[in-house]
């Protein structure tokens, strides 16, 4: 790459699996798109946990989007960063209800899945040292747990267009 184009990013193109995992471990919010009962799109920022194969989302019992997903599991997620190298991950898939609204501790005395995700992953990642303080203050309301296994995962990094967007009759070679 020509020195004049270093601002475009160290790497241009799709992320490999390790880069995806490293990026998704960052402090980013996902934007979740789902469908309202009338078919209109609904988009909401959400915390997420990526386990290397699936996204995990937690919603309060009364969250509109949780009911929308329970009724129609088709979803998309976008996770990106605002500053270079502007990495992004776009996921399309079906959301599976893993837990309908339950409290943090189940009747059998075990911690709910959403409580485990918040305690071990999203809480510390988003709040750091304040995680316990925050969780102690809100960890009482029932929540949903959703799992999204990507049917399609698109990734990109850097300031450049993918070749599929270029028209061969108008593209000139550049340094």
C-alpha atoms as a PDB file:
ATOM      1  CA  UNK A   1       0.000   0.000   0.000  1.00  0.00           C
ATOM      2  CA  UNK A   2       1.307   3.453  -0.908  1.00  0.00           C
ATOM      3  CA  UNK A   3       2.330   5.634   2.079  1.00  0.00           C
ATOM      4  CA  UNK A   4      -0.114   8.301   0.882  1.00  0.00           C
ATOM      5  CA  UNK A   5      -2.974   5.923   1.669  1.00  0.00           C
ATOM      6  CA  UNK A   6      -2.048   4.891   5.260  1.00  0.00           C
ATOM      7  CA  UNK A   7      -5.125   6.700   6.551  1.00  0.00           C
ATOM      8  CA  UNK A   8      -7.226   3.970   4.900  1.00  0.00           C
ATOM      9  CA  UNK A   9      -6.182   1.476   7.594  1.00  0.00           C
ATOM     10  CA  UNK A  10      -3.527  -1.164   8.128  1.00  0.00           C
ATOM     11  CA  UNK A  11      -5.766  -3.879   6.656  1.00  0.00           C
ATOM     12  CA  UNK A  12      -8.485  -3.478   4.079  1.00  0.00           C
ATOM     13  CA  UNK A  13     -11.187  -6.080   3.585  1.00  0.00           C
ATOM     14  CA  UNK A  14     -12.933  -8.791   5.537  1.00  0.00           C
ATOM     15  CA  UNK A  15     -11.892  -9.806   9.034  1.00  0.00           C
ATOM     16  CA  UNK A  16     -10.630 -13.313   9.736  1.00  0.00           C
ATOM     17  CA  UNK A  17     -12.153 -15.363  12.590  1.00  0.00           C
ATOM     18  CA  UNK A  18      -9.590 -14.194  15.146  1.00  0.00           C
ATOM     19  CA  UNK A  19     -10.101 -10.545  14.151  1.00  0.00           C
ATOM     20  CA  UNK A  20     -13.883 -10.979  14.417  1.00  0.00           C
ATOM     21  CA  UNK A  21     -13.573 -12.453  17.918  1.00  0.00           C
ATOM     22  CA  UNK A  22     -11.169  -9.706  19.046  1.00  0.00           C
ATOM     23  CA  UNK A  23     -13.352  -6.956  17.608  1.00  0.00           C
ATOM     24  CA  UNK A  24     -16.589  -8.321  19.077  1.00  0.00           C
ATOM     25  CA  UNK A  25     -14.935  -8.477  22.523  1.00  0.00           C
ATOM     26  CA  UNK A  26     -14.709  -4.670  22.432  1.00  0.00           C
ATOM     27  CA  UNK A  27     -16.999  -2.148  24.146  1.00  0.00           C
ATOM     28  CA  UNK A  28     -19.320  -1.747  21.165  1.00  0.00           C
ATOM     29  CA  UNK A  29     -23.087  -1.652  21.169  1.00  0.00           C
ATOM     30  CA  UNK A  30     -24.982  -3.661  18.604  1.00  0.00           C
ATOM     31  CA  UNK A  31     -27.905  -2.242  16.729  1.00  0.00           C
ATOM     32  CA  UNK A  32     -30.586  -4.890  16.600  1.00  0.00           C
ATOM     33  CA  UNK A  33     -33.156  -4.808  13.826  1.00  0.00           C
ATOM     34  CA  UNK A  34     -36.335  -6.832  14.210  1.00  0.00           C
ATOM     35  CA  UNK A  35     -39.870  -6.622  12.878  1.00  0.00           C
ATOM     36  CA  UNK A  36     -42.938  -5.115  14.498  1.00  0.00           C
ATOM     37  CA  UNK A  37     -46.223  -7.017  14.139  1.00  0.00           C
ATOM     38  CA  UNK A  38     -47.208  -4.731  11.227  1.00  0.00           C
ATOM     39  CA  UNK A  39     -43.966  -5.604   9.393  1.00  0.00           C
ATOM     40  CA  UNK A  40     -42.261  -2.277  10.038  1.00  0.00           C
ATOM     41  CA  UNK A  41     -38.616  -2.406  11.110  1.00  0.00           C
ATOM     42  CA  UNK A  42     -37.661  -1.707  14.709  1.00  0.00           C
ATOM     43  CA  UNK A  43     -34.043  -0.886  15.582  1.00  0.00           C
ATOM     44  CA  UNK A  44     -32.645  -0.656  19.096  1.00  0.00           C
ATOM     45  CA  UNK A  45     -29.112  -0.465  20.551  1.00  0.00           C
ATOM     46  CA  UNK A  46     -28.308  -3.474  22.730  1.00  0.00           C
ATOM     47  CA  UNK A  47     -25.513  -4.998  24.747  1.00  0.00           C
ATOM     48  CA  UNK A  48     -24.448  -8.386  23.432  1.00  0.00           C
ATOM     49  CA  UNK A  49     -22.163 -11.292  24.212  1.00  0.00           C
ATOM     50  CA  UNK A  50     -20.387 -13.100  21.348  1.00  0.00           C
ATOM     51  CA  UNK A  51     -19.231 -16.614  22.311  1.00  0.00           C
ATOM     52  CA  UNK A  52     -17.378 -17.290  19.043  1.00  0.00           C
ATOM     53  CA  UNK A  53     -20.388 -18.928  17.410  1.00  0.00           C
ATOM     54  CA  UNK A  54     -23.481 -17.017  18.487  1.00  0.00           C
ATOM     55  CA  UNK A  55     -24.656 -13.677  19.820  1.00  0.00           C
ATOM     56  CA  UNK A  56     -26.470 -13.627  23.167  1.00  0.00           C
ATOM     57  CA  UNK A  57     -28.890 -10.813  24.005  1.00  0.00           C
ATOM     58  CA  UNK A  58     -30.732 -10.074  27.224  1.00  0.00           C
ATOM     59  CA  UNK A  59     -33.957  -8.063  27.319  1.00  0.00           C
ATOM     60  CA  UNK A  60     -36.098  -6.907  30.209  1.00  0.00           C
ATOM     61  CA  UNK A  61     -39.459  -8.664  30.368  1.00  0.00           C
ATOM     62  CA  UNK A  62     -41.311  -5.534  29.220  1.00  0.00           C
ATOM     63  CA  UNK A  63     -38.951  -4.660  26.329  1.00  0.00           C
ATOM     64  CA  UNK A  64     -40.951  -4.176  23.146  1.00  0.00           C
ATOM     65  CA  UNK A  65     -38.240  -5.694  21.015  1.00  0.00           C
ATOM     66  CA  UNK A  66     -38.238  -8.902  23.061  1.00  0.00           C
ATOM     67  CA  UNK A  67     -41.905  -9.486  22.270  1.00  0.00           C
ATOM     68  CA  UNK A  68     -41.297  -8.592  18.592  1.00  0.00           C
ATOM     69  CA  UNK A  69     -38.519 -11.218  18.390  1.00  0.00           C
ATOM     70  CA  UNK A  70     -40.566 -13.839  20.234  1.00  0.00           C
ATOM     71  CA  UNK A  71     -43.312 -13.337  17.630  1.00  0.00           C
ATOM     72  CA  UNK A  72     -40.994 -13.164  14.578  1.00  0.00           C
ATOM     73  CA  UNK A  73     -37.395 -14.365  15.093  1.00  0.00           C
ATOM     74  CA  UNK A  74     -35.901 -12.772  11.945  1.00  0.00           C
ATOM     75  CA  UNK A  75     -33.220 -10.302  13.042  1.00  0.00           C
ATOM     76  CA  UNK A  76     -30.131  -8.430  11.940  1.00  0.00           C
ATOM     77  CA  UNK A  77     -27.341  -7.036  14.079  1.00  0.00           C
ATOM     78  CA  UNK A  78     -24.779  -4.389  13.189  1.00  0.00           C
ATOM     79  CA  UNK A  79     -21.706  -3.860  15.339  1.00  0.00           C
ATOM     80  CA  UNK A  80     -19.237  -1.193  14.222  1.00  0.00           C
ATOM     81  CA  UNK A  81     -16.787   1.347  15.525  1.00  0.00           C
ATOM     82  CA  UNK A  82     -16.858   5.075  14.760  1.00  0.00           C
ATOM     83  CA  UNK A  83     -13.101   5.619  14.380  1.00  0.00           C
ATOM     84  CA  UNK A  84     -10.464   3.988  12.160  1.00  0.00           C
ATOM     85  CA  UNK A  85      -9.974   1.227  11.311  1.00  0.00           C
ATOM     86  CA  UNK A  86     -13.828   1.280  11.165  1.00  0.00           C
ATOM     87  CA  UNK A  87     -14.306  -2.423  11.596  1.00  0.00           C
ATOM     88  CA  UNK A  88     -17.847  -3.726  11.267  1.00  0.00           C
ATOM     89  CA  UNK A  89     -19.751  -6.978  11.581  1.00  0.00           C
ATOM     90  CA  UNK A  90     -23.215  -7.477  10.122  1.00  0.00           C
ATOM     91  CA  UNK A  91     -25.203 -10.530  11.185  1.00  0.00           C
ATOM     92  CA  UNK A  92     -28.434 -11.930   9.791  1.00  0.00           C
ATOM     93  CA  UNK A  93     -30.151 -14.799  11.544  1.00  0.00           C
ATOM     94  CA  UNK A  94     -32.979 -16.135  13.617  1.00  0.00           C
ATOM     95  CA  UNK A  95     -33.212 -15.349  17.306  1.00  0.00           C
ATOM     96  CA  UNK A  96     -33.992 -18.316  19.524  1.00  0.00           C
ATOM     97  CA  UNK A  97     -35.718 -17.785  22.851  1.00  0.00           C
ATOM     98  CA  UNK A  98     -33.486 -19.575  25.363  1.00  0.00           C
ATOM     99  CA  UNK A  99     -35.250 -18.262  28.460  1.00  0.00           C
ATOM    100  CA  UNK A 100     -38.647 -16.625  28.573  1.00  0.00           C
ATOM    101  CA  UNK A 101     -38.722 -13.930  31.246  1.00  0.00           C
ATOM    102  CA  UNK A 102     -37.262 -15.339  34.450  1.00  0.00           C
ATOM    103  CA  UNK A 103     -35.626 -13.788  37.473  1.00  0.00           C
ATOM    104  CA  UNK A 104     -31.911 -13.870  38.170  1.00  0.00           C
ATOM    105  CA  UNK A 105     -32.163 -17.030  40.294  1.00  0.00           C
ATOM    106  CA  UNK A 106     -34.267 -19.948  39.073  1.00  0.00           C
ATOM    107  CA  UNK A 107     -36.557 -22.093  41.243  1.00  0.00           C
ATOM    108  CA  UNK A 108     -33.839 -24.773  41.347  1.00  0.00           C
ATOM    109  CA  UNK A 109     -31.444 -22.261  42.962  1.00  0.00           C
ATOM    110  CA  UNK A 110     -29.243 -21.910  39.876  1.00  0.00           C
ATOM    111  CA  UNK A 111     -28.432 -18.613  38.216  1.00  0.00           C
ATOM    112  CA  UNK A 112     -30.435 -17.842  35.066  1.00  0.00           C
ATOM    113  CA  UNK A 113     -28.510 -17.767  31.795  1.00  0.00           C
ATOM    114  CA  UNK A 114     -29.098 -14.027  31.417  1.00  0.00           C
ATOM    115  CA  UNK A 115     -27.755 -13.463  34.933  1.00  0.00           C
ATOM    116  CA  UNK A 116     -24.631 -15.469  34.102  1.00  0.00           C
ATOM    117  CA  UNK A 117     -24.115 -13.498  30.868  1.00  0.00           C
ATOM    118  CA  UNK A 118     -24.464 -10.198  32.726  1.00  0.00           C
ATOM    119  CA  UNK A 119     -22.201 -11.231  35.591  1.00  0.00           C
ATOM    120  CA  UNK A 120     -19.469 -12.858  33.529  1.00  0.00           C
ATOM    121  CA  UNK A 121     -19.525 -11.015  30.206  1.00  0.00           C
ATOM    122  CA  UNK A 122     -21.596  -7.924  29.433  1.00  0.00           C
ATOM    123  CA  UNK A 123     -21.471  -6.313  32.876  1.00  0.00           C
ATOM    124  CA  UNK A 124     -17.664  -6.374  33.198  1.00  0.00           C
ATOM    125  CA  UNK A 125     -17.117  -5.549  29.515  1.00  0.00           C
ATOM    126  CA  UNK A 126     -19.337  -2.489  29.440  1.00  0.00           C
ATOM    127  CA  UNK A 127     -18.995  -1.249  33.023  1.00  0.00           C
ATOM    128  CA  UNK A 128     -15.646  -2.517  34.269  1.00  0.00           C
ATOM    129  CA  UNK A 129     -15.258  -2.066  38.034  1.00  0.00           C
ATOM    130  CA  UNK A 130     -18.776  -0.570  38.327  1.00  0.00           C
ATOM    131  CA  UNK A 131     -20.352  -3.794  37.048  1.00  0.00           C
ATOM    132  CA  UNK A 132     -21.167  -5.269  40.471  1.00  0.00           C
ATOM    133  CA  UNK A 133     -22.556  -1.987  41.770  1.00  0.00           C
ATOM    134  CA  UNK A 134     -24.812  -1.640  38.726  1.00  0.00           C
ATOM    135  CA  UNK A 135     -25.913  -5.275  38.707  1.00  0.00           C
ATOM    136  CA  UNK A 136     -26.713  -5.240  42.438  1.00  0.00           C
ATOM    137  CA  UNK A 137     -29.035  -2.285  41.861  1.00  0.00           C
ATOM    138  CA  UNK A 138     -31.006  -3.744  38.925  1.00  0.00           C
ATOM    139  CA  UNK A 139     -30.627  -7.502  39.120  1.00  0.00           C
ATOM    140  CA  UNK A 140     -34.175  -8.264  40.224  1.00  0.00           C
ATOM    141  CA  UNK A 141     -36.475  -7.885  37.212  1.00  0.00           C
ATOM    142  CA  UNK A 142     -37.269 -10.850  34.950  1.00  0.00           C
ATOM    143  CA  UNK A 143     -35.429 -10.955  31.648  1.00  0.00           C
ATOM    144  CA  UNK A 144     -35.487 -12.819  28.337  1.00  0.00           C
ATOM    145  CA  UNK A 145     -32.413 -14.573  26.951  1.00  0.00           C
ATOM    146  CA  UNK A 146     -32.004 -14.781  23.174  1.00  0.00           C
ATOM    147  CA  UNK A 147     -29.401 -16.626  21.116  1.00  0.00           C
ATOM    148  CA  UNK A 148     -28.673 -15.651  17.510  1.00  0.00           C
ATOM    149  CA  UNK A 149     -26.640 -18.071  15.410  1.00  0.00           C
ATOM    150  CA  UNK A 150     -25.561 -16.164  12.288  1.00  0.00           C
ATOM    151  CA  UNK A 151     -26.984 -17.440   9.024  1.00  0.00           C
ATOM    152  CA  UNK A 152     -24.927 -14.758   7.287  1.00  0.00           C
ATOM    153  CA  UNK A 153     -21.997 -12.829   8.755  1.00  0.00           C
ATOM    154  CA  UNK A 154     -20.393  -9.998   6.769  1.00  0.00           C
ATOM    155  CA  UNK A 155     -17.260  -8.230   8.006  1.00  0.00           C
ATOM    156  CA  UNK A 156     -15.139  -5.319   6.812  1.00  0.00           C
ATOM    157  CA  UNK A 157     -12.324  -3.062   7.937  1.00  0.00           C
ATOM    158  CA  UNK A 158     -10.634   0.018   6.533  1.00  0.00           C
ATOM    159  CA  UNK A 159     -11.557   2.894   4.260  1.00  0.00           C
ATOM    160  CA  UNK A 160     -12.004   1.253   0.868  1.00  0.00           C
ATOM    161  CA  UNK A 161     -14.766  -0.163  -1.277  1.00  0.00           C
ATOM    162  CA  UNK A 162     -15.145  -3.874  -1.826  1.00  0.00           C
ATOM    163  CA  UNK A 163     -14.468  -4.869  -5.428  1.00  0.00           C
ATOM    164  CA  UNK A 164     -18.117  -5.835  -5.934  1.00  0.00           C
ATOM    165  CA  UNK A 165     -19.028  -2.134  -5.823  1.00  0.00           C
ATOM    166  CA  UNK A 166     -16.573  -1.125  -8.539  1.00  0.00           C
ATOM    167  CA  UNK A 167     -17.497  -0.800 -12.191  1.00  0.00           C
ATOM    168  CA  UNK A 168     -14.691  -2.040 -14.399  1.00  0.00           C
ATOM    169  CA  UNK A 169     -15.451   0.540 -17.093  1.00  0.00           C
ATOM    170  CA  UNK A 170     -15.047   3.477 -14.655  1.00  0.00           C
ATOM    171  CA  UNK A 171     -12.383   2.258 -12.219  1.00  0.00           C
ATOM    172  CA  UNK A 172      -8.867   3.579 -12.841  1.00  0.00           C
ATOM    173  CA  UNK A 173      -5.724   2.125 -11.350  1.00  0.00           C
ATOM    174  CA  UNK A 174      -4.496   4.202  -8.423  1.00  0.00           C
ATOM    175  CA  UNK A 175      -1.330   4.090  -6.336  1.00  0.00           C
END
